[in-house]
Amino acid sequence: MIKISYNKLLIISMLFTFNSYGQEYDVIVYGATASGVMASIAAAEEGMKVLLVEPGRYVGGMVTGGLSHTDFGDRTVIGGLALEFYRKVAEHYQTHTFHWRGPEPHVGEKIFKDWLEKAGVEMMYEKRVMEVIKKDGYIDRIIFNDGTAVQGEVYIDAGYEGDLMARSGISYTLGREGVDDYNESWAGRQPVMQTSHQIDTRISPFKNNNARELLPLINPRPMVPIGEKDNGIQSYCFRLIATDKEENMVPWTKPDRYDPEVFELARRYYRANPDAGPLIHYWPTLPNNKSDINSSAGISTNLLD
């Protein structure tokens, strides 16, 4: 039986505590979205010791998670590391810059990972911030879900949800701010414009007109007046990579919790518009006969859970 004195236990405990949050960096970036990757690379190329922390398992955020065909207007305004990314995409596919507006997801992630490795950025995966320790109003260290803790001189929250900022006690707001808040004419709710992403047919939203019970997908909350603030936020959305090339196909299996009643709105749409086209359109906008798709005609692939 090994006996350890109280003083030795205290020293061991102090050493363990120091090692658990003694990992120090010049810059800690939380969230390996495309912006998080760019911030990490930019700092590392300036000679900083950089840690990039990703709550999930993948690098690149939306850019490598399905939203591959990126939208842009005047491409002459694209510069810096964003332009360098497009150049790396062109180099991979052996074509000219901007021939493809984005890569296949696995290609995009490889480009980012190789770039991060070359820049010397250290990575941590599956670390979700659980606690932020502050000192004199500044972040001293952050603690993750597995107990790991890190310290940095500068912290960047590059996640889509702003978890690091929220855990730090920074004030925030949800939804659209109203016109009167900052005298912004385009603030608040705006009129629903007639586009291909709206249902253009009058369809009953009720399961039956007597019970007045709403169909799935119908939000019971009334819309606020035009220009007024609300607390609505965009739902999470699946962006699917589709193809018409047989060797690239995998089966689209029925989900475990599939409920056909969820799609009653779509059924009614087609009953009212028997000649309507598909709710989701496919056209090859990515290499190898692939396309990223999500919605059309007002029915989308939003996450409903």
C-alpha atoms as a PDB file:
ATOM      1  CA  MET A   1       0.000   0.000   0.000  1.00  0.00           C
ATOM      2  CA  ILE A   2       1.454   3.380  -1.056  1.00  0.00           C
ATOM      3  CA  LYS A   3       1.095   6.253   1.360  1.00  0.00           C
ATOM      4  CA  ILE A   4       1.262   9.868   0.184  1.00  0.00           C
ATOM      5  CA  SER A   5       1.350  12.774   2.581  1.00  0.00           C
ATOM      6  CA  TYR A   6      -1.223  15.560   2.402  1.00  0.00           C
ATOM      7  CA  ASN A   7       1.437  18.056   1.285  1.00  0.00           C
ATOM      8  CA  LYS A   8       2.494  15.824  -1.617  1.00  0.00           C
ATOM      9  CA  LEU A   9      -1.125  15.360  -2.641  1.00  0.00           C
ATOM     10  CA  LEU A  10      -1.545  19.123  -2.631  1.00  0.00           C
ATOM     11  CA  ILE A  11       1.510  19.575  -4.855  1.00  0.00           C
ATOM     12  CA  ILE A  12       0.305  16.867  -7.262  1.00  0.00           C
ATOM     13  CA  SER A  13      -3.124  18.483  -7.361  1.00  0.00           C
ATOM     14  CA  MET A  14      -1.613  21.903  -8.097  1.00  0.00           C
ATOM     15  CA  LEU A  15       0.528  20.449 -10.890  1.00  0.00           C
ATOM     16  CA  PHE A  16      -2.488  18.683 -12.415  1.00  0.00           C
ATOM     17  CA  THR A  17      -4.528  21.888 -12.246  1.00  0.00           C
ATOM     18  CA  PHE A  18      -1.777  23.871 -13.944  1.00  0.00           C
ATOM     19  CA  ASN A  19      -1.376  21.284 -16.712  1.00  0.00           C
ATOM     20  CA  SER A  20      -5.142  21.184 -17.298  1.00  0.00           C
ATOM     21  CA  TYR A  21      -5.216  24.831 -18.334  1.00  0.00           C
ATOM     22  CA  GLY A  22      -1.540  25.554 -18.822  1.00  0.00           C
ATOM     23  CA  GLN A  23      -1.765  25.329 -22.618  1.00  0.00           C
ATOM     24  CA  GLU A  24      -1.098  28.923 -23.633  1.00  0.00           C
ATOM     25  CA  TYR A  25      -1.520  30.456 -27.064  1.00  0.00           C
ATOM     26  CA  ASP A  26      -1.284  33.868 -28.645  1.00  0.00           C
ATOM     27  CA  VAL A  27      -4.618  33.392 -30.403  1.00  0.00           C
ATOM     28  CA  ILE A  28      -7.428  30.920 -29.724  1.00  0.00           C
ATOM     29  CA  VAL A  29     -10.124  30.647 -32.395  1.00  0.00           C
ATOM     30  CA  TYR A  30     -13.360  28.895 -31.452  1.00  0.00           C
ATOM     31  CA  GLY A  31     -15.204  27.394 -34.403  1.00  0.00           C
ATOM     32  CA  ALA A  32     -13.557  25.905 -37.514  1.00  0.00           C
ATOM     33  CA  THR A  33     -15.944  27.637 -39.903  1.00  0.00           C
ATOM     34  CA  ALA A  34     -14.422  29.116 -43.042  1.00  0.00           C
ATOM     35  CA  SER A  35     -13.945  32.424 -41.215  1.00  0.00           C
ATOM     36  CA  GLY A  36     -12.382  30.596 -38.249  1.00  0.00           C
ATOM     37  CA  VAL A  37      -9.962  28.830 -40.586  1.00  0.00           C
ATOM     38  CA  MET A  38      -9.056  32.110 -42.296  1.00  0.00           C
ATOM     39  CA  ALA A  39      -8.529  33.918 -38.999  1.00  0.00           C
ATOM     40  CA  SER A  40      -6.311  31.094 -37.736  1.00  0.00           C
ATOM     41  CA  ILE A  41      -4.188  31.012 -40.878  1.00  0.00           C
ATOM     42  CA  ALA A  42      -3.844  34.799 -40.991  1.00  0.00           C
ATOM     43  CA  ALA A  43      -2.659  34.920 -37.370  1.00  0.00           C
ATOM     44  CA  ALA A  44      -0.293  31.967 -37.786  1.00  0.00           C
ATOM     45  CA  GLU A  45       1.275  33.510 -40.877  1.00  0.00           C
ATOM     46  CA  GLU A  46       2.045  36.582 -38.735  1.00  0.00           C
ATOM     47  CA  GLY A  47       4.060  34.373 -36.389  1.00  0.00           C
ATOM     48  CA  MET A  48       1.392  33.814 -33.731  1.00  0.00           C
ATOM     49  CA  LYS A  49       0.964  30.537 -31.854  1.00  0.00           C
ATOM     50  CA  VAL A  50      -2.603  29.644 -32.804  1.00  0.00           C
ATOM     51  CA  LEU A  51      -5.127  27.087 -31.584  1.00  0.00           C
ATOM     52  CA  LEU A  52      -8.266  26.378 -33.611  1.00  0.00           C
ATOM     53  CA  VAL A  53     -10.987  24.639 -31.597  1.00  0.00           C
ATOM     54  CA  GLU A  54     -13.901  22.907 -33.337  1.00  0.00           C
ATOM     55  CA  PRO A  55     -16.948  21.675 -31.357  1.00  0.00           C
ATOM     56  CA  GLY A  56     -17.663  19.105 -34.085  1.00  0.00           C
ATOM     57  CA  ARG A  57     -15.527  16.837 -36.214  1.00  0.00           C
ATOM     58  CA  TYR A  58     -15.198  18.753 -39.477  1.00  0.00           C
ATOM     59  CA  VAL A  59     -13.391  21.821 -40.779  1.00  0.00           C
ATOM     60  CA  GLY A  60     -14.880  24.495 -43.015  1.00  0.00           C
ATOM     61  CA  GLY A  61     -18.407  25.073 -41.731  1.00  0.00           C
ATOM     62  CA  MET A  62     -20.955  25.727 -44.463  1.00  0.00           C
ATOM     63  CA  VAL A  63     -18.276  25.923 -47.153  1.00  0.00           C
ATOM     64  CA  THR A  64     -17.463  22.226 -46.703  1.00  0.00           C
ATOM     65  CA  GLY A  65     -20.810  21.152 -45.255  1.00  0.00           C
ATOM     66  CA  GLY A  66     -22.884  21.276 -48.429  1.00  0.00           C
ATOM     67  CA  LEU A  67     -23.122  24.961 -49.348  1.00  0.00           C
ATOM     68  CA  SER A  68     -20.435  24.561 -51.963  1.00  0.00           C
ATOM     69  CA  HIS A  69     -21.710  26.680 -54.871  1.00  0.00           C
ATOM     70  CA  THR A  70     -21.073  30.065 -53.265  1.00  0.00           C
ATOM     71  CA  ASP A  71     -22.979  33.184 -54.276  1.00  0.00           C
ATOM     72  CA  PHE A  72     -21.128  36.328 -55.228  1.00  0.00           C
ATOM     73  CA  GLY A  73     -21.801  39.387 -57.318  1.00  0.00           C
ATOM     74  CA  ASP A  74     -18.760  41.362 -58.416  1.00  0.00           C
ATOM     75  CA  ARG A  75     -15.891  38.907 -58.027  1.00  0.00           C
ATOM     76  CA  THR A  76     -13.318  41.687 -58.386  1.00  0.00           C
ATOM     77  CA  VAL A  77     -13.983  42.588 -54.739  1.00  0.00           C
ATOM     78  CA  ILE A  78     -12.880  39.110 -53.587  1.00  0.00           C
ATOM     79  CA  GLY A  79      -9.340  39.251 -52.299  1.00  0.00           C
ATOM     80  CA  GLY A  80      -6.991  38.101 -49.573  1.00  0.00           C
ATOM     81  CA  LEU A  81      -7.306  34.570 -48.248  1.00  0.00           C
ATOM     82  CA  ALA A  82     -10.773  34.154 -49.770  1.00  0.00           C
ATOM     83  CA  LEU A  83      -9.285  34.644 -53.242  1.00  0.00           C
ATOM     84  CA  GLU A  84      -6.466  32.286 -52.328  1.00  0.00           C
ATOM     85  CA  PHE A  85      -9.061  29.621 -51.460  1.00  0.00           C
ATOM     86  CA  TYR A  86     -10.677  29.969 -54.904  1.00  0.00           C
ATOM     87  CA  ARG A  87      -7.220  29.659 -56.455  1.00  0.00           C
ATOM     88  CA  LYS A  88      -6.579  26.464 -54.533  1.00  0.00           C
ATOM     89  CA  VAL A  89      -9.932  25.108 -55.737  1.00  0.00           C
ATOM     90  CA  ALA A  90      -8.978  25.897 -59.348  1.00  0.00           C
ATOM     91  CA  GLU A  91      -5.570  24.296 -58.851  1.00  0.00           C
ATOM     92  CA  HIS A  92      -7.169  21.099 -57.539  1.00  0.00           C
ATOM     93  CA  TYR A  93      -9.503  20.788 -60.522  1.00  0.00           C
ATOM     94  CA  GLN A  94      -6.848  22.025 -62.981  1.00  0.00           C
ATOM     95  CA  THR A  95      -8.948  24.893 -64.297  1.00  0.00           C
ATOM     96  CA  HIS A  96      -8.997  28.677 -64.081  1.00  0.00           C
ATOM     97  CA  THR A  97      -9.984  30.616 -60.963  1.00  0.00           C
ATOM     98  CA  PHE A  98     -13.764  30.955 -60.496  1.00  0.00           C
ATOM     99  CA  HIS A  99     -14.548  28.308 -63.124  1.00  0.00           C
ATOM    100  CA  TRP A 100     -16.122  26.497 -60.176  1.00  0.00           C
ATOM    101  CA  ARG A 101     -17.724  28.641 -57.494  1.00  0.00           C
ATOM    102  CA  GLY A 102     -16.769  26.068 -54.931  1.00  0.00           C
ATOM    103  CA  PRO A 103     -15.410  22.550 -54.512  1.00  0.00           C
ATOM    104  CA  GLU A 104     -16.992  19.272 -53.534  1.00  0.00           C
ATOM    105  CA  PRO A 105     -17.231  19.194 -49.712  1.00  0.00           C
ATOM    106  CA  HIS A 106     -14.462  16.640 -49.180  1.00  0.00           C
ATOM    107  CA  VAL A 107     -12.159  18.597 -51.466  1.00  0.00           C
ATOM    108  CA  GLY A 108     -12.875  21.856 -49.672  1.00  0.00           C
ATOM    109  CA  GLU A 109     -12.129  20.304 -46.291  1.00  0.00           C
ATOM    110  CA  LYS A 110      -8.848  18.853 -47.556  1.00  0.00           C
ATOM    111  CA  ILE A 111      -7.799  22.259 -48.880  1.00  0.00           C
ATOM    112  CA  PHE A 112      -8.512  23.857 -45.495  1.00  0.00           C
ATOM    113  CA  LYS A 113      -6.777  21.100 -43.499  1.00  0.00           C
ATOM    114  CA  ASP A 114      -3.652  21.150 -45.659  1.00  0.00           C
ATOM    115  CA  TRP A 115      -3.567  24.944 -45.410  1.00  0.00           C
ATOM    116  CA  LEU A 116      -3.907  24.878 -41.618  1.00  0.00           C
ATOM    117  CA  GLU A 117      -1.164  22.277 -41.293  1.00  0.00           C
ATOM    118  CA  LYS A 118       1.186  24.264 -43.504  1.00  0.00           C
ATOM    119  CA  ALA A 119       0.526  27.407 -41.420  1.00  0.00           C
ATOM    120  CA  GLY A 120       1.295  25.501 -38.207  1.00  0.00           C
ATOM    121  CA  VAL A 121      -2.150  25.925 -36.619  1.00  0.00           C
ATOM    122  CA  GLU A 122      -2.857  23.485 -33.792  1.00  0.00           C
ATOM    123  CA  MET A 123      -6.282  21.816 -33.916  1.00  0.00           C
ATOM    124  CA  MET A 124      -8.666  20.471 -31.285  1.00  0.00           C
ATOM    125  CA  TYR A 125     -11.869  18.623 -32.272  1.00  0.00           C
ATOM    126  CA  GLU A 126     -15.078  17.835 -30.397  1.00  0.00           C
ATOM    127  CA  LYS A 127     -14.398  20.471 -27.728  1.00  0.00           C
ATOM    128  CA  ARG A 128     -17.461  22.498 -26.795  1.00  0.00           C
ATOM    129  CA  VAL A 129     -17.007  25.500 -24.525  1.00  0.00           C
ATOM    130  CA  MET A 130     -18.726  24.948 -21.179  1.00  0.00           C
ATOM    131  CA  GLU A 131     -17.244  27.660 -18.985  1.00  0.00           C
ATOM    132  CA  VAL A 132     -15.352  30.911 -19.428  1.00  0.00           C
ATOM    133  CA  ILE A 133     -13.150  32.147 -16.585  1.00  0.00           C
ATOM    134  CA  LYS A 134     -12.681  35.907 -16.622  1.00  0.00           C
ATOM    135  CA  LYS A 135     -10.250  38.119 -14.755  1.00  0.00           C
ATOM    136  CA  ASP A 136     -10.627  41.897 -14.537  1.00  0.00           C
ATOM    137  CA  GLY A 137     -13.239  41.816 -17.297  1.00  0.00           C
ATOM    138  CA  TYR A 138     -11.080  39.819 -19.721  1.00  0.00           C
ATOM    139  CA  ILE A 139     -11.185  36.130 -20.633  1.00  0.00           C
ATOM    140  CA  ASP A 140      -8.503  34.311 -18.654  1.00  0.00           C
ATOM    141  CA  ARG A 141      -9.202  30.789 -19.889  1.00  0.00           C
ATOM    142  CA  ILE A 142     -11.937  28.653 -21.387  1.00  0.00           C
ATOM    143  CA  ILE A 143     -12.942  25.187 -20.226  1.00  0.00           C
ATOM    144  CA  PHE A 144     -14.370  22.563 -22.577  1.00  0.00           C
ATOM    145  CA  ASN A 145     -16.861  19.754 -22.078  1.00  0.00           C
ATOM    146  CA  ASP A 146     -14.149  17.166 -21.360  1.00  0.00           C
ATOM    147  CA  GLY A 147     -12.438  19.344 -18.741  1.00  0.00           C
ATOM    148  CA  THR A 148      -9.655  20.553 -21.020  1.00  0.00           C
ATOM    149  CA  ALA A 149      -8.804  24.207 -20.461  1.00  0.00           C
ATOM    150  CA  VAL A 150      -6.718  26.615 -22.535  1.00  0.00           C
ATOM    151  CA  GLN A 151      -5.428  30.159 -22.180  1.00  0.00           C
ATOM    152  CA  GLY A 152      -4.784  32.771 -24.835  1.00  0.00           C
ATOM    153  CA  GLU A 153      -3.923  36.417 -25.284  1.00  0.00           C
ATOM    154  CA  VAL A 154      -6.632  36.895 -27.924  1.00  0.00           C
ATOM    155  CA  TYR A 155      -9.880  34.945 -28.368  1.00  0.00           C
ATOM    156  CA  ILE A 156     -11.947  34.858 -31.551  1.00  0.00           C
ATOM    157  CA  ASP A 157     -15.477  33.448 -31.643  1.00  0.00           C
ATOM    158  CA  ALA A 158     -15.927  32.212 -35.214  1.00  0.00           C
ATOM    159  CA  GLY A 159     -18.833  29.868 -34.523  1.00  0.00           C
ATOM    160  CA  TYR A 160     -22.265  30.351 -36.044  1.00  0.00           C
ATOM    161  CA  GLU A 161     -24.013  30.402 -32.654  1.00  0.00           C
ATOM    162  CA  GLY A 162     -21.672  32.706 -30.721  1.00  0.00           C
ATOM    163  CA  ASP A 163     -21.310  30.235 -27.827  1.00  0.00           C
ATOM    164  CA  LEU A 164     -17.981  31.619 -26.633  1.00  0.00           C
ATOM    165  CA  MET A 165     -19.316  35.171 -26.522  1.00  0.00           C
ATOM    166  CA  ALA A 166     -22.491  34.062 -24.738  1.00  0.00           C
ATOM    167  CA  ARG A 167     -20.498  32.078 -22.141  1.00  0.00           C
ATOM    168  CA  SER A 168     -18.378  35.192 -21.633  1.00  0.00           C
ATOM    169  CA  GLY A 169     -21.444  37.160 -20.557  1.00  0.00           C
ATOM    170  CA  ILE A 170     -21.497  39.436 -23.589  1.00  0.00           C
ATOM    171  CA  SER A 171     -24.935  40.903 -24.289  1.00  0.00           C
ATOM    172  CA  TYR A 172     -26.700  39.780 -27.446  1.00  0.00           C
ATOM    173  CA  THR A 173     -30.032  39.943 -29.198  1.00  0.00           C
ATOM    174  CA  LEU A 174     -32.066  37.504 -31.273  1.00  0.00           C
ATOM    175  CA  GLY A 175     -34.012  38.128 -34.443  1.00  0.00           C
ATOM    176  CA  ARG A 176     -34.452  41.279 -36.456  1.00  0.00           C
ATOM    177  CA  GLU A 177     -34.152  44.720 -34.908  1.00  0.00           C
ATOM    178  CA  GLY A 178     -36.898  47.174 -35.731  1.00  0.00           C
ATOM    179  CA  VAL A 179     -36.689  50.236 -37.950  1.00  0.00           C
ATOM    180  CA  ASP A 180     -36.913  52.544 -34.936  1.00  0.00           C
ATOM    181  CA  ASP A 181     -34.005  50.931 -33.056  1.00  0.00           C
ATOM    182  CA  TYR A 182     -31.282  52.470 -35.229  1.00  0.00           C
ATOM    183  CA  ASN A 183     -33.325  54.352 -37.837  1.00  0.00           C
ATOM    184  CA  GLU A 184     -32.602  51.744 -40.501  1.00  0.00           C
ATOM    185  CA  SER A 185     -35.214  51.662 -43.257  1.00  0.00           C
ATOM    186  CA  TRP A 186     -34.606  48.001 -44.163  1.00  0.00           C
ATOM    187  CA  ALA A 187     -34.656  46.713 -40.593  1.00  0.00           C
ATOM    188  CA  GLY A 188     -37.410  44.589 -39.080  1.00  0.00           C
ATOM    189  CA  ARG A 189     -39.779  42.348 -40.991  1.00  0.00           C
ATOM    190  CA  GLN A 190     -39.972  43.132 -44.686  1.00  0.00           C
ATOM    191  CA  PRO A 191     -42.729  42.278 -47.201  1.00  0.00           C
ATOM    192  CA  VAL A 192     -42.714  38.749 -48.564  1.00  0.00           C
ATOM    193  CA  MET A 193     -41.610  39.190 -52.154  1.00  0.00           C
ATOM    194  CA  GLN A 194     -42.979  36.998 -54.934  1.00  0.00           C
ATOM    195  CA  THR A 195     -40.053  34.689 -55.697  1.00  0.00           C
ATOM    196  CA  SER A 196     -39.511  31.043 -56.565  1.00  0.00           C
ATOM    197  CA  HIS A 197     -38.976  30.379 -52.856  1.00  0.00           C
ATOM    198  CA  GLN A 198     -42.559  31.280 -51.905  1.00  0.00           C
ATOM    199  CA  ILE A 199     -45.748  29.250 -52.225  1.00  0.00           C
ATOM    200  CA  ASP A 200     -47.819  31.174 -54.755  1.00  0.00           C
ATOM    201  CA  THR A 201     -51.063  29.239 -54.241  1.00  0.00           C
ATOM    202  CA  ARG A 202     -53.728  29.657 -51.586  1.00  0.00           C
ATOM    203  CA  ILE A 203     -53.619  26.473 -49.488  1.00  0.00           C
ATOM    204  CA  SER A 204     -55.517  25.785 -46.283  1.00  0.00           C
ATOM    205  CA  PRO A 205     -53.055  25.593 -43.354  1.00  0.00           C
ATOM    206  CA  PHE A 206     -55.461  23.501 -41.222  1.00  0.00           C
ATOM    207  CA  LYS A 207     -55.665  19.747 -40.865  1.00  0.00           C
ATOM    208  CA  ASN A 208     -59.402  20.211 -41.173  1.00  0.00           C
ATOM    209  CA  ASN A 209     -61.310  23.457 -41.255  1.00  0.00           C
ATOM    210  CA  ASN A 210     -63.531  22.576 -38.301  1.00  0.00           C
ATOM    211  CA  ALA A 211     -60.858  21.703 -35.723  1.00  0.00           C
ATOM    212  CA  ARG A 212     -58.589  24.563 -36.838  1.00  0.00           C
ATOM    213  CA  GLU A 213     -55.553  22.458 -35.989  1.00  0.00           C
ATOM    214  CA  LEU A 214     -52.567  23.589 -38.015  1.00  0.00           C
ATOM    215  CA  LEU A 215     -50.628  21.358 -40.382  1.00  0.00           C
ATOM    216  CA  PRO A 216     -46.992  20.516 -39.667  1.00  0.00           C
ATOM    217  CA  LEU A 217     -44.560  23.233 -40.831  1.00  0.00           C
ATOM    218  CA  ILE A 218     -47.069  26.027 -40.148  1.00  0.00           C
ATOM    219  CA  ASN A 219     -45.872  28.481 -37.507  1.00  0.00           C
ATOM    220  CA  PRO A 220     -48.785  29.574 -35.305  1.00  0.00           C
ATOM    221  CA  ARG A 221     -47.116  32.820 -34.277  1.00  0.00           C
ATOM    222  CA  PRO A 222     -48.519  35.851 -36.142  1.00  0.00           C
ATOM    223  CA  MET A 223     -46.070  37.929 -38.138  1.00  0.00           C
ATOM    224  CA  VAL A 224     -45.229  41.316 -36.697  1.00  0.00           C
ATOM    225  CA  PRO A 225     -46.064  44.420 -38.753  1.00  0.00           C
ATOM    226  CA  ILE A 226     -43.641  45.448 -41.500  1.00  0.00           C
ATOM    227  CA  GLY A 227     -40.590  47.174 -40.057  1.00  0.00           C
ATOM    228  CA  GLU A 228     -41.177  45.846 -36.525  1.00  0.00           C
ATOM    229  CA  LYS A 229     -38.666  43.780 -34.559  1.00  0.00           C
ATOM    230  CA  ASP A 230     -39.198  40.087 -33.860  1.00  0.00           C
ATOM    231  CA  ASN A 231     -37.257  37.297 -32.184  1.00  0.00           C
ATOM    232  CA  GLY A 232     -37.343  34.889 -35.102  1.00  0.00           C
ATOM    233  CA  ILE A 233     -34.149  33.300 -36.355  1.00  0.00           C
ATOM    234  CA  GLN A 234     -33.471  31.176 -39.402  1.00  0.00           C
ATOM    235  CA  SER A 235     -33.774  27.462 -38.790  1.00  0.00           C
ATOM    236  CA  TYR A 236     -30.942  25.044 -39.401  1.00  0.00           C
ATOM    237  CA  CYS A 237     -31.096  23.709 -42.933  1.00  0.00           C
ATOM    238  CA  PHE A 238     -29.754  20.628 -44.677  1.00  0.00           C
ATOM    239  CA  ARG A 239     -27.818  21.354 -47.846  1.00  0.00           C
ATOM    240  CA  LEU A 240     -27.777  18.162 -49.905  1.00  0.00           C
ATOM    241  CA  ILE A 241     -25.169  17.179 -52.465  1.00  0.00           C
ATOM    242  CA  ALA A 242     -27.029  15.521 -55.321  1.00  0.00           C
ATOM    243  CA  THR A 243     -25.842  13.975 -58.563  1.00  0.00           C
ATOM    244  CA  ASP A 244     -27.122  12.376 -61.736  1.00  0.00           C
ATOM    245  CA  LYS A 245     -23.915  10.385 -62.135  1.00  0.00           C
ATOM    246  CA  GLU A 246     -24.598   6.794 -61.131  1.00  0.00           C
ATOM    247  CA  GLU A 247     -21.117   6.012 -59.799  1.00  0.00           C
ATOM    248  CA  ASN A 248     -21.447   8.954 -57.371  1.00  0.00           C
ATOM    249  CA  MET A 249     -24.856   7.921 -56.020  1.00  0.00           C
ATOM    250  CA  VAL A 250     -25.685   6.503 -52.596  1.00  0.00           C
ATOM    251  CA  PRO A 251     -29.182   5.397 -51.521  1.00  0.00           C
ATOM    252  CA  TRP A 252     -31.494   7.970 -49.925  1.00  0.00           C
ATOM    253  CA  THR A 253     -32.961   5.721 -47.264  1.00  0.00           C
ATOM    254  CA  LYS A 254     -36.164   6.380 -45.334  1.00  0.00           C
ATOM    255  CA  PRO A 255     -35.409   8.147 -42.015  1.00  0.00           C
ATOM    256  CA  ASP A 256     -36.099   6.204 -38.819  1.00  0.00           C
ATOM    257  CA  ARG A 257     -38.716   8.728 -37.707  1.00  0.00           C
ATOM    258  CA  TYR A 258     -40.251   9.355 -41.108  1.00  0.00           C
ATOM    259  CA  ASP A 259     -43.796  10.714 -40.846  1.00  0.00           C
ATOM    260  CA  PRO A 260     -45.651  11.197 -44.144  1.00  0.00           C
ATOM    261  CA  GLU A 261     -48.037  13.669 -42.467  1.00  0.00           C
ATOM    262  CA  VAL A 262     -45.187  16.160 -42.257  1.00  0.00           C
ATOM    263  CA  PHE A 263     -45.434  16.551 -46.043  1.00  0.00           C
ATOM    264  CA  GLU A 264     -49.171  17.251 -46.258  1.00  0.00           C
ATOM    265  CA  LEU A 265     -48.399  20.852 -47.214  1.00  0.00           C
ATOM    266  CA  ALA A 266     -46.408  19.612 -50.212  1.00  0.00           C
ATOM    267  CA  ARG A 267     -49.249  17.264 -51.209  1.00  0.00           C
ATOM    268  CA  ARG A 268     -51.752  20.122 -51.160  1.00  0.00           C
ATOM    269  CA  TYR A 269     -49.390  22.252 -53.194  1.00  0.00           C
ATOM    270  CA  TYR A 270     -49.274  19.630 -55.962  1.00  0.00           C
ATOM    271  CA  ARG A 271     -53.000  19.025 -55.832  1.00  0.00           C
ATOM    272  CA  ALA A 272     -53.522  22.737 -56.430  1.00  0.00           C
ATOM    273  CA  ASN A 273     -50.728  22.844 -59.055  1.00  0.00           C
ATOM    274  CA  PRO A 274     -50.707  19.487 -60.859  1.00  0.00           C
ATOM    275  CA  ASP A 275     -48.331  20.825 -63.515  1.00  0.00           C
ATOM    276  CA  ALA A 276     -45.875  22.326 -61.019  1.00  0.00           C
ATOM    277  CA  GLY A 277     -42.233  21.373 -61.291  1.00  0.00           C
ATOM    278  CA  PRO A 278     -40.202  19.666 -58.581  1.00  0.00           C
ATOM    279  CA  LEU A 279     -39.913  21.243 -55.155  1.00  0.00           C
ATOM    280  CA  ILE A 280     -36.154  20.736 -55.318  1.00  0.00           C
ATOM    281  CA  HIS A 281     -34.335  21.493 -58.565  1.00  0.00           C
ATOM    282  CA  TYR A 282     -31.136  19.819 -59.677  1.00  0.00           C
ATOM    283  CA  TRP A 283     -28.567  21.264 -62.019  1.00  0.00           C
ATOM    284  CA  PRO A 284     -24.846  20.447 -61.963  1.00  0.00           C
ATOM    285  CA  THR A 285     -23.142  23.454 -60.414  1.00  0.00           C
ATOM    286  CA  LEU A 286     -20.232  21.509 -58.908  1.00  0.00           C
ATOM    287  CA  PRO A 287     -17.528  19.279 -60.376  1.00  0.00           C
ATOM    288  CA  ASN A 288     -18.265  15.643 -61.241  1.00  0.00           C
ATOM    289  CA  ASN A 289     -21.932  16.243 -62.048  1.00  0.00           C
ATOM    290  CA  LYS A 290     -22.814  17.280 -58.498  1.00  0.00           C
ATOM    291  CA  SER A 291     -25.054  20.032 -57.181  1.00  0.00           C
ATOM    292  CA  ASP A 292     -25.904  21.435 -53.760  1.00  0.00           C
ATOM    293  CA  ILE A 293     -29.675  21.688 -53.332  1.00  0.00           C
ATOM    294  CA  ASN A 294     -32.026  22.711 -50.568  1.00  0.00           C
ATOM    295  CA  SER A 295     -35.329  24.257 -51.557  1.00  0.00           C
ATOM    296  CA  SER A 296     -37.702  25.756 -54.056  1.00  0.00           C
ATOM    297  CA  ALA A 297     -41.374  26.747 -54.183  1.00  0.00           C
ATOM    298  CA  GLY A 298     -41.557  27.479 -50.471  1.00  0.00           C
ATOM    299  CA  ILE A 299     -40.797  23.931 -49.272  1.00  0.00           C
ATOM    300  CA  SER A 300     -37.268  23.546 -47.916  1.00  0.00           C
ATOM    301  CA  THR A 301     -34.954  21.107 -46.207  1.00  0.00           C
ATOM    302  CA  ASN A 302     -35.007  22.986 -42.916  1.00  0.00           C
ATOM    303  CA  LEU A 303     -34.380  21.000 -39.753  1.00  0.00           C
ATOM    304  CA  LEU A 304     -37.764  20.661 -38.042  1.00  0.00           C
ATOM    305  CA  ASP A 305     -36.714  18.913 -34.835  1.00  0.00           C
END
